[in-house]
Protein backbone atom coordinates (compact mmCIF):
# COMPACT_ATOMS: atom_id res chain seq x y z
CA UNK A 1 35.32 115.07 123.16
CA UNK A 2 33.35 112.20 124.69
CA UNK A 3 29.75 111.26 123.86
CA UNK A 4 27.39 108.96 125.71
CA UNK A 5 23.81 107.88 124.96
CA UNK A 6 21.58 108.58 127.96
CA UNK A 7 19.57 105.71 129.44
CA UNK A 8 20.75 103.30 126.77
CA UNK A 9 20.90 100.13 128.88
CA UNK A 10 17.16 99.79 129.53
CA UNK A 11 16.18 101.07 126.12
CA UNK A 12 18.51 98.81 124.15
CA UNK A 13 17.17 95.70 125.91
CA UNK A 14 13.86 96.26 124.12
CA UNK A 15 15.40 96.38 120.63
CA UNK A 16 15.99 93.51 118.25
CA UNK A 17 19.65 92.94 117.41
CA UNK A 18 19.22 94.22 113.84
CA UNK A 19 17.41 97.36 115.04
CA UNK A 20 20.08 98.02 117.66
CA UNK A 21 22.88 97.65 115.14
CA UNK A 22 21.09 100.00 112.72
CA UNK A 23 20.54 102.62 115.44
CA UNK A 24 24.15 102.53 116.61
CA UNK A 25 25.40 102.60 113.03
CA UNK A 26 23.34 105.70 112.25
CA UNK A 27 24.54 107.34 115.45
CA UNK A 28 28.19 106.71 114.63
CA UNK A 29 27.70 108.07 111.11
CA UNK A 30 26.13 111.23 112.54
CA UNK A 31 29.05 111.80 114.91
CA UNK A 32 31.65 111.10 112.24
CA UNK A 33 29.97 113.42 109.72
CA UNK A 34 29.57 116.34 112.11
CA UNK A 35 33.07 115.90 113.51
CA UNK A 36 34.63 115.91 110.03
CA UNK A 37 32.83 119.19 109.23
CA UNK A 38 34.73 120.85 112.11
CA UNK A 39 38.16 119.26 111.84
CA UNK A 40 37.57 116.26 114.08
CA UNK A 41 37.48 112.49 113.94
CA UNK A 42 36.47 109.49 116.02
CA UNK A 43 39.48 107.91 117.69
CA UNK A 44 37.95 105.27 119.95
CA UNK A 45 34.57 103.65 120.70
CA UNK A 46 33.41 103.51 124.32
CA UNK A 47 30.31 101.36 124.78
CA UNK A 48 27.51 103.21 123.00
CA UNK A 49 29.58 106.42 122.96
CA UNK A 50 32.78 107.61 121.33
CA UNK A 51 35.99 109.50 122.01
CA UNK A 52 36.78 112.11 119.37
CA UNK A 53 39.68 114.51 118.82
CA UNK A 54 39.64 117.96 117.23
CA UNK A 55 42.15 120.53 116.11
CA UNK A 56 40.49 123.13 118.35
CA UNK A 57 38.07 123.37 121.25
CA UNK A 58 35.89 125.70 119.21
CA UNK A 59 35.66 123.07 116.46
CA UNK A 60 34.67 120.45 119.02
CA UNK A 61 32.02 122.75 120.50
CA UNK A 62 30.54 123.52 117.06
CA UNK A 63 30.41 119.82 116.23
CA UNK A 64 28.76 119.04 119.56
CA UNK A 65 26.12 121.73 119.01
CA UNK A 66 25.46 120.44 115.48
CA UNK A 67 24.99 116.89 116.79
CA UNK A 68 22.54 117.99 119.48
CA UNK A 69 20.58 120.14 117.00
CA UNK A 70 20.32 117.32 114.47
CA UNK A 71 19.12 114.88 117.11
CA UNK A 72 16.40 117.33 118.11
CA UNK A 73 15.39 118.10 114.54
CA UNK A 74 15.18 114.49 113.35
CA UNK A 75 13.37 113.11 116.40
CA UNK A 76 10.43 115.43 116.78
CA UNK A 77 7.49 113.82 118.61
CA UNK A 78 9.41 110.66 119.50
CA UNK A 79 8.71 111.04 123.22
CA UNK A 80 10.58 108.52 125.36
CA UNK A 81 11.96 106.87 122.21
CA UNK A 82 14.03 109.95 121.43
CA UNK A 83 17.76 109.40 121.42
CA UNK A 84 19.50 111.85 123.75
CA UNK A 85 23.21 112.11 124.45
CA UNK A 86 25.54 113.90 126.85
CA UNK A 87 28.77 115.41 125.56
CA UNK A 88 31.93 116.45 127.41
CA UNK A 89 34.78 118.50 125.94
CA UNK A 90 38.21 118.80 127.55
CA UNK A 91 41.64 120.07 126.54
CA UNK A 92 44.73 117.96 127.10
CA UNK A 93 47.44 115.71 125.73
CA UNK A 94 46.99 112.04 124.91
CA UNK A 95 49.45 109.29 124.16
CA UNK A 96 49.20 105.89 122.50
CA UNK A 97 50.42 102.78 124.31
CA UNK A 98 49.77 99.21 123.14
CA UNK A 99 47.18 100.53 120.64
CA UNK A 100 45.30 102.27 123.45
CA UNK A 101 45.00 105.96 124.28
CA UNK A 102 46.15 107.18 127.68
CA UNK A 103 46.34 110.53 129.48
CA UNK A 104 44.94 112.47 132.42
CA UNK A 105 42.36 114.08 130.14
CA UNK A 106 40.57 110.72 129.79
CA UNK A 107 40.11 110.40 133.54
CA UNK A 108 38.89 113.98 133.82
CA UNK A 109 36.33 113.59 131.06
CA UNK A 110 35.03 110.37 132.59
CA UNK A 111 34.42 112.15 135.91
CA UNK A 112 32.68 115.10 134.24
CA UNK A 113 30.54 112.80 132.11
CA UNK A 114 28.92 111.39 135.24
CA UNK A 115 27.73 114.92 136.08
CA UNK A 116 26.45 115.83 132.61
CA UNK A 117 22.66 115.72 132.05
CA UNK A 118 21.14 114.42 128.79
CA UNK A 119 21.12 116.89 125.87
CA UNK A 120 23.82 119.04 127.53
CA UNK A 121 27.42 119.86 126.55
CA UNK A 122 29.84 120.32 129.46
CA UNK A 123 33.39 121.68 129.30
CA UNK A 124 36.36 121.60 131.62
CA UNK A 125 37.98 124.88 132.71
CA UNK A 126 40.91 124.36 130.35
CA UNK A 127 38.62 123.78 127.38
CA UNK A 128 36.54 126.81 128.23
CA UNK A 129 39.64 129.06 128.28
CA UNK A 130 40.64 127.85 124.81
CA UNK A 131 37.17 128.47 123.39
CA UNK A 132 36.45 131.37 121.06
CA UNK A 133 33.95 133.12 123.32
CA UNK A 134 32.67 135.37 120.53
CA UNK A 135 31.27 132.28 118.77
CA UNK A 136 30.31 130.01 121.68
CA UNK A 137 28.67 131.19 124.91
CA UNK A 138 29.23 129.31 128.16
CA UNK A 139 27.96 129.44 131.74
CA UNK A 140 29.46 128.14 134.97
CA UNK A 141 27.65 125.08 136.31
CA UNK A 142 29.53 124.65 139.60
CA UNK A 143 32.90 123.64 141.04
CA UNK A 144 32.95 119.92 141.77
CA UNK A 145 35.23 117.76 143.91
CA UNK A 146 36.21 115.00 141.49
CA UNK A 147 37.77 111.69 142.46
CA UNK A 148 41.49 111.64 141.67
CA UNK A 149 41.82 115.43 141.54
CA UNK A 150 43.09 117.44 144.52
CA UNK A 151 41.16 120.68 144.09
CA UNK A 152 37.52 121.30 143.11
CA UNK A 153 37.17 121.65 139.33
CA UNK A 154 34.99 124.38 137.79
CA UNK A 155 32.75 122.90 135.10
CA UNK A 156 31.00 124.90 132.40
CA UNK A 157 28.10 124.24 130.04
CA UNK A 158 27.59 125.51 126.51
CA UNK A 159 24.67 127.89 126.19
CA UNK A 160 23.12 126.62 123.01
CA UNK A 161 21.67 129.48 120.98
CA UNK A 162 18.53 128.02 119.54
CA UNK A 163 17.91 129.61 116.16
CA UNK A 164 15.72 128.91 113.20
CA UNK A 165 17.36 126.68 110.62
CA UNK A 166 16.27 127.17 107.03
CA UNK A 167 16.30 124.04 104.86
CA UNK A 168 15.54 125.11 101.27
CA UNK A 169 14.62 123.04 98.22
CA UNK A 170 13.65 119.98 100.21
CA UNK A 171 11.01 117.40 99.29
CA UNK A 172 8.35 117.17 101.99
CA UNK A 173 6.31 113.96 102.04
CA UNK A 174 3.19 113.46 104.14
CA UNK A 175 1.91 109.91 104.54
CA UNK A 176 -1.36 108.89 106.16
CA UNK A 177 -3.56 105.81 106.36
CA UNK A 178 -7.01 106.03 104.81
CA UNK A 179 -9.64 104.08 106.74
CA UNK A 180 -7.68 103.99 109.98
CA UNK A 181 -10.33 106.04 111.79
CA UNK A 182 -12.95 103.32 111.32
CA UNK A 183 -10.57 100.66 112.60
CA UNK A 184 -9.64 102.85 115.56
CA UNK A 185 -13.30 103.30 116.49
CA UNK A 186 -14.11 99.61 116.16
CA UNK A 187 -10.98 98.21 117.80
CA UNK A 188 -9.69 95.95 119.19
CA UNK A 189 -6.65 97.70 120.64
CA UNK A 190 -4.32 94.83 119.71
CA UNK A 191 -5.14 95.26 116.02
CA UNK A 192 -4.62 99.03 116.19
CA UNK A 193 -1.23 98.50 117.83
CA UNK A 194 -0.30 95.98 115.16
CA UNK A 195 -1.20 98.42 112.37
CA UNK A 196 0.82 101.23 113.95
CA UNK A 197 3.81 98.95 114.53
CA UNK A 198 3.79 97.73 110.95
CA UNK A 199 3.36 101.25 109.56
CA UNK A 200 6.24 102.52 111.69
CA UNK A 201 8.47 99.75 110.35
CA UNK A 202 7.51 100.50 106.75
CA UNK A 203 8.04 104.24 107.14
CA UNK A 204 11.39 104.17 108.92
CA UNK A 205 12.66 101.35 106.73
CA UNK A 206 11.81 103.26 103.57
CA UNK A 207 13.34 106.48 104.89
CA UNK A 208 16.58 104.69 105.69
CA UNK A 209 16.68 102.94 102.30
CA UNK A 210 16.19 106.13 100.26
CA UNK A 211 18.03 108.69 102.37
CA UNK A 212 14.94 110.26 103.90
CA UNK A 213 14.49 111.75 107.36
CA UNK A 214 11.39 111.13 109.44
CA UNK A 215 10.70 114.56 110.91
CA UNK A 216 7.68 113.69 113.05
CA UNK A 217 4.63 111.48 113.29
CA UNK A 218 1.22 111.75 114.90
CA UNK A 219 -0.78 108.56 115.11
CA UNK A 220 -0.89 107.11 111.59
CA UNK A 221 0.51 110.26 109.93
CA UNK A 222 4.19 110.82 109.08
CA UNK A 223 6.24 113.67 107.69
CA UNK A 224 9.42 112.61 105.87
CA UNK A 225 11.84 114.80 103.95
CA UNK A 226 14.20 113.95 101.10
CA UNK A 227 16.96 115.94 99.45
CA UNK A 228 16.29 114.49 95.99
CA UNK A 229 13.04 114.24 93.98
CA UNK A 230 13.79 110.80 92.55
CA UNK A 231 14.61 109.42 95.99
CA UNK A 232 11.39 110.89 97.36
CA UNK A 233 9.30 109.25 94.63
CA UNK A 234 11.11 105.95 94.98
CA UNK A 235 10.50 106.09 98.72
CA UNK A 236 6.81 106.87 98.21
CA UNK A 237 6.33 103.94 95.85
CA UNK A 238 8.31 101.60 98.05
CA UNK A 239 6.14 102.51 101.06
CA UNK A 240 2.98 101.64 99.17
CA UNK A 241 4.38 98.40 97.79
CA UNK A 242 5.51 97.29 101.22
CA UNK A 243 2.12 98.13 102.68
CA UNK A 244 0.29 96.26 99.92
CA UNK A 245 2.42 93.19 100.67
CA UNK A 246 1.43 93.42 104.33
CA UNK A 247 -2.30 94.15 103.96
CA UNK A 248 -3.57 90.74 102.78
CA UNK A 249 -1.44 88.88 105.30
CA UNK A 250 -2.48 91.05 108.25
CA UNK A 251 -5.98 91.74 106.88
CA UNK A 252 -5.68 95.50 107.32
CA UNK A 253 -8.59 97.40 105.77
CA UNK A 254 -6.71 100.65 105.27
CA UNK A 255 -4.65 102.12 102.46
CA UNK A 256 -1.96 104.76 102.13
CA UNK A 257 -2.31 108.29 100.78
CA UNK A 258 0.81 110.38 100.12
CA UNK A 259 1.25 114.07 99.37
CA UNK A 260 4.63 115.33 98.14
CA UNK A 261 5.70 118.95 97.71
CA UNK A 262 8.99 120.75 97.20
CA UNK A 263 9.76 123.81 99.26
CA UNK A 264 11.41 125.28 102.33
CA UNK A 265 11.35 123.84 105.82
CA UNK A 266 11.95 125.98 108.91
CA UNK A 267 13.12 124.41 112.15
CA UNK A 268 13.37 126.08 115.54
CA UNK A 269 14.53 123.71 118.27
CA UNK A 270 12.10 120.80 117.84
CA UNK A 271 9.46 122.92 116.06
CA UNK A 272 8.93 122.54 112.32
CA UNK A 273 6.98 125.13 110.38
CA UNK A 274 6.55 126.79 107.02
CA UNK A 275 3.99 127.23 104.28
CA UNK A 276 5.43 124.37 102.24
CA UNK A 277 5.01 121.91 105.10
CA UNK A 278 1.40 122.99 105.29
CA UNK A 279 0.92 122.59 101.50
CA UNK A 280 2.24 119.01 101.58
CA UNK A 281 -0.06 118.21 104.49
CA UNK A 282 -3.10 119.74 102.76
CA UNK A 283 -2.31 117.86 99.54
CA UNK A 284 -2.23 114.56 101.38
CA UNK A 285 -5.47 115.41 103.13
CA UNK A 286 -7.15 116.36 99.85
CA UNK A 287 -6.10 113.07 98.29
CA UNK A 288 -8.58 111.22 100.49
CA UNK A 289 -11.39 112.75 98.38
CA UNK A 290 -9.89 111.25 95.19
CA UNK A 291 -9.31 107.67 96.33
CA UNK A 292 -11.66 104.75 96.81
CA UNK A 293 -11.52 102.72 100.01
CA UNK A 294 -9.27 100.15 98.28
CA UNK A 295 -6.87 102.56 96.55
CA UNK A 296 -3.47 103.82 97.50
CA UNK A 297 -2.37 107.10 95.98
CA UNK A 298 0.67 109.31 95.49
CA UNK A 299 -0.05 112.97 94.74
CA UNK A 300 2.57 115.61 93.96
CA UNK A 301 2.57 119.33 93.26
CA UNK A 302 3.77 120.92 90.03
CA UNK A 303 7.02 121.86 91.81
CA UNK A 304 7.81 118.17 92.26
CA UNK A 305 6.72 117.24 88.74
CA UNK A 306 9.06 119.85 87.28
CA UNK A 307 11.97 118.41 89.25
CA UNK A 308 11.16 114.93 87.89
CA UNK A 309 11.50 115.95 84.23
CA UNK A 310 13.53 113.36 82.38
CA UNK A 311 12.73 110.57 84.84
CA UNK A 312 10.24 107.69 84.31
CA UNK A 313 7.95 109.28 86.90
CA UNK A 314 7.35 112.46 84.91
CA UNK A 315 5.18 110.77 82.24
CA UNK A 316 3.27 108.79 84.85
CA UNK A 317 1.92 111.93 86.55
CA UNK A 318 -1.58 112.90 85.48
CA UNK A 319 -3.22 116.21 86.49
CA UNK A 320 -6.04 116.05 89.03
CA UNK A 321 -8.65 118.52 90.26
CA UNK A 322 -8.32 119.14 93.98
CA UNK A 323 -11.77 120.67 94.47
CA UNK A 324 -10.54 124.11 95.61
CA UNK A 325 -13.76 124.77 97.51
CA UNK A 326 -12.77 121.97 99.90
CA UNK A 327 -9.08 122.93 100.01
CA UNK A 328 -8.88 126.69 99.27
CA UNK A 329 -5.27 126.74 100.46
CA UNK A 330 -4.28 124.74 97.37
CA UNK A 331 -5.83 127.11 94.84
CA UNK A 332 -3.24 127.98 92.22
CA UNK A 333 -1.08 124.94 92.94
CA UNK A 334 -1.05 122.28 90.24
CA UNK A 335 -1.49 118.71 91.49
CA UNK A 336 -0.78 115.37 89.84
CA UNK A 337 -1.44 111.74 90.65
CA UNK A 338 1.11 109.01 89.96
CA UNK A 339 -0.35 106.31 87.71
CA UNK A 340 0.86 102.75 87.35
CA UNK A 341 1.19 103.04 83.56
CA UNK A 342 2.77 106.02 81.81
CA UNK A 343 0.77 108.11 79.36
CA UNK A 344 2.68 106.48 76.50
CA UNK A 345 1.40 103.07 77.78
CA UNK A 346 4.88 101.90 78.66
CA UNK A 347 5.25 100.36 82.07
CA UNK A 348 8.13 101.85 84.03
CA UNK A 349 9.64 100.40 87.20
CA UNK A 350 12.37 102.76 88.42
CA UNK A 351 12.99 100.52 91.39
């Protein structure tokens, strides 16, 4: 299997060296993880792509589909910044000579790769014949005359069956700037761009540090998910602390409000939905009624507080009234605000 990042040359020129290294490192980790789940491994880097080998074509196809699905799911609303890759799968023998891999299959894959569009998975005829058709559906693209090969080669594509993925027991964090609307109305544009750039850096940096995934963003709002309650809370506090370090230097007159809820996330292609996503969003929105113009705030539901039992955060969470008339969707859901000092007056710093 061969992967290649589409349009990487022009995009990578715009990135700082550290950002480029982080992006490529995350991409390699994704490929390695998904390959290992289906009996495969990376055998050789190739520019911004990789050569991988698998015990079966079906395993390679499943890994390829998983990679494409994860890239779609974790890059919702990224527009032209979205990372897209092309993948080619072939069947053949390889040999090692002078610490390098050789074989006709490498030449064939290279030719097919040039024909493969972004976000697609193409297969050679040999790979398609070895595929378990009951599990993976394919369709003929066309027969192509390829350089170095005598006869036209039929090339197939994997028909990806988009289905809803259910992600249970996940911590859904909504983050939004309070006061950004006034700044946006007053301008200037350069200041607005600076705020959005800095917020993006804080959000993605925090997600990477604490194992979170940025699911989507719209303007100054972000949705991030975490697998662990403690990591989610640590990420929430780190975001606010980073922002508070930036505000006086940049003279930003806006603060951060965060809503955190535990529940189930549903994903279909690049669409995210579910009642629990909506609850986290509504909690964050309701928090704006409970904060002054100079306050940051982290608000969680009772589901999150229960998961934090035994941690320093549990005693720092104080119940709040969400004014159900303003947010009727939150009626019956307990809400708590994270305080700087625990109820027993001991200062905790879990970070």
